[in-house]
Amino acid sequence: MTKNAPTNLDGAKIRSWIFDPATPGYAFLTLEEVLAAFDTTSRTLLDWRSSGFPQPIAIPGNRVYNVEAIREFLKEKQRESVRCTRAALK
C-alpha cells in the first residue's frame, strides 16, 4: 500500500522552511513532511532514492530525513538540468 502525503500538512510551508537560509542544515523532516513538501507518494520517494534522494536516518521511534541532504540532492538535480539544457541548445 502506498502512503500518500497527509492532507493536514502544508507542503508549501514545509518547502519554504526547507529553503529558508535560517533553517539549520542539521534539521530533520519526517516521512510525512517530505511527502507533503513534494506532494508525492512513498513509492515515488522510493524511486527517487535510486537517483540519489537521501536515505532516511533511523532515530528511536522514527525515521527522518536530513534537510541539508535534501538541499544537496535538489542542487545536484538543478545542476543536471542546466547541463542537459545547455547540451540540448548546442
Protein backbone atom coordinates (compact mmCIF):
# COMPACT_ATOMS: atom_id res chain seq x y z
CA MET A 1 0.00 0.00 0.00
CA THR A 2 1.32 3.42 -0.94
CA LYS A 3 1.35 6.07 1.71
CA ASN A 4 0.21 9.47 0.45
CA ALA A 5 1.04 12.84 1.93
CA PRO A 6 -1.33 13.66 4.79
CA THR A 7 -3.74 16.44 3.96
CA ASN A 8 -3.22 18.23 7.28
CA LEU A 9 0.37 19.20 6.45
CA ASP A 10 1.05 22.34 4.43
CA GLY A 11 3.54 21.29 1.73
CA ALA A 12 4.20 24.88 0.60
CA LYS A 13 5.06 25.91 4.15
CA ILE A 14 7.39 22.91 4.55
CA ARG A 15 9.12 23.69 1.21
CA SER A 16 9.55 27.29 2.31
CA TRP A 17 11.08 26.08 5.55
CA ILE A 18 13.48 23.73 3.69
CA PHE A 19 14.81 26.55 1.50
CA ASP A 20 14.88 29.20 4.22
CA PRO A 21 18.56 30.05 4.90
CA ALA A 22 17.66 30.40 8.57
CA THR A 23 16.72 26.71 8.73
CA PRO A 24 19.78 24.85 10.01
CA GLY A 25 21.19 22.11 7.81
CA TYR A 26 21.08 19.68 10.70
CA ALA A 27 17.27 19.93 10.92
CA PHE A 28 15.16 16.89 10.10
CA LEU A 29 11.85 16.13 8.39
CA THR A 30 9.61 13.14 8.96
CA LEU A 31 8.48 10.96 6.07
CA GLU A 32 5.06 12.59 6.20
CA GLU A 33 6.61 16.06 5.96
CA VAL A 34 8.77 15.06 2.98
CA LEU A 35 5.74 13.56 1.22
CA ALA A 36 3.73 16.73 1.84
CA ALA A 37 6.59 19.04 0.82
CA PHE A 38 6.98 17.35 -2.56
CA ASP A 39 3.31 16.35 -2.93
CA THR A 40 4.29 12.78 -3.69
CA THR A 41 3.82 9.21 -2.53
CA SER A 42 6.14 6.92 -0.63
CA ARG A 43 6.50 4.81 -3.82
CA THR A 44 7.77 7.83 -5.77
CA LEU A 45 10.11 8.71 -2.94
CA LEU A 46 11.48 5.17 -3.08
CA ASP A 47 12.07 5.61 -6.83
CA TRP A 48 13.85 8.91 -6.17
CA ARG A 49 16.25 7.14 -3.82
CA SER A 50 17.60 5.20 -6.79
CA SER A 51 18.59 8.55 -8.31
CA GLY A 52 20.24 9.86 -5.17
CA PHE A 53 17.48 11.12 -2.87
CA PRO A 54 18.83 10.85 0.68
CA GLN A 55 18.15 7.76 2.71
CA PRO A 56 16.22 8.26 5.92
CA ILE A 57 18.09 8.22 9.20
CA ALA A 58 16.79 5.91 11.91
CA ILE A 59 16.32 7.52 15.28
CA PRO A 60 14.50 5.95 18.22
CA GLY A 61 10.83 5.80 17.33
CA ASN A 62 11.08 7.37 13.87
CA ARG A 63 12.92 7.69 10.58
CA VAL A 64 13.84 11.20 9.49
CA TYR A 65 15.40 12.99 6.54
CA ASN A 66 18.23 15.48 6.91
CA VAL A 67 17.35 18.89 5.47
CA GLU A 68 20.88 19.59 4.23
CA ALA A 69 20.97 16.25 2.38
CA ILE A 70 17.67 17.10 0.69
CA ARG A 71 19.04 20.52 -0.29
CA GLU A 72 22.15 18.93 -1.79
CA PHE A 73 20.05 16.42 -3.75
CA LEU A 74 17.94 19.24 -5.18
CA LYS A 75 21.01 21.34 -6.04
CA GLU A 76 22.52 18.39 -7.90
CA LYS A 77 19.28 17.83 -9.83
CA GLN A 78 19.28 21.53 -10.73
CA ARG A 79 22.89 21.30 -11.98
CA GLU A 80 21.98 18.23 -14.07
CA SER A 81 19.06 20.11 -15.57
CA VAL A 82 21.25 23.06 -16.51
CA ARG A 83 23.85 20.76 -18.09
CA CYS A 84 21.18 18.95 -20.12
CA THR A 85 19.61 22.20 -21.26
CA ARG A 86 22.95 23.61 -22.34
CA ALA A 87 23.81 20.43 -24.21
CA ALA A 88 20.44 20.48 -25.99
CA LEU A 89 20.96 24.09 -27.09
CA LYS A 90 24.34 23.37 -28.70
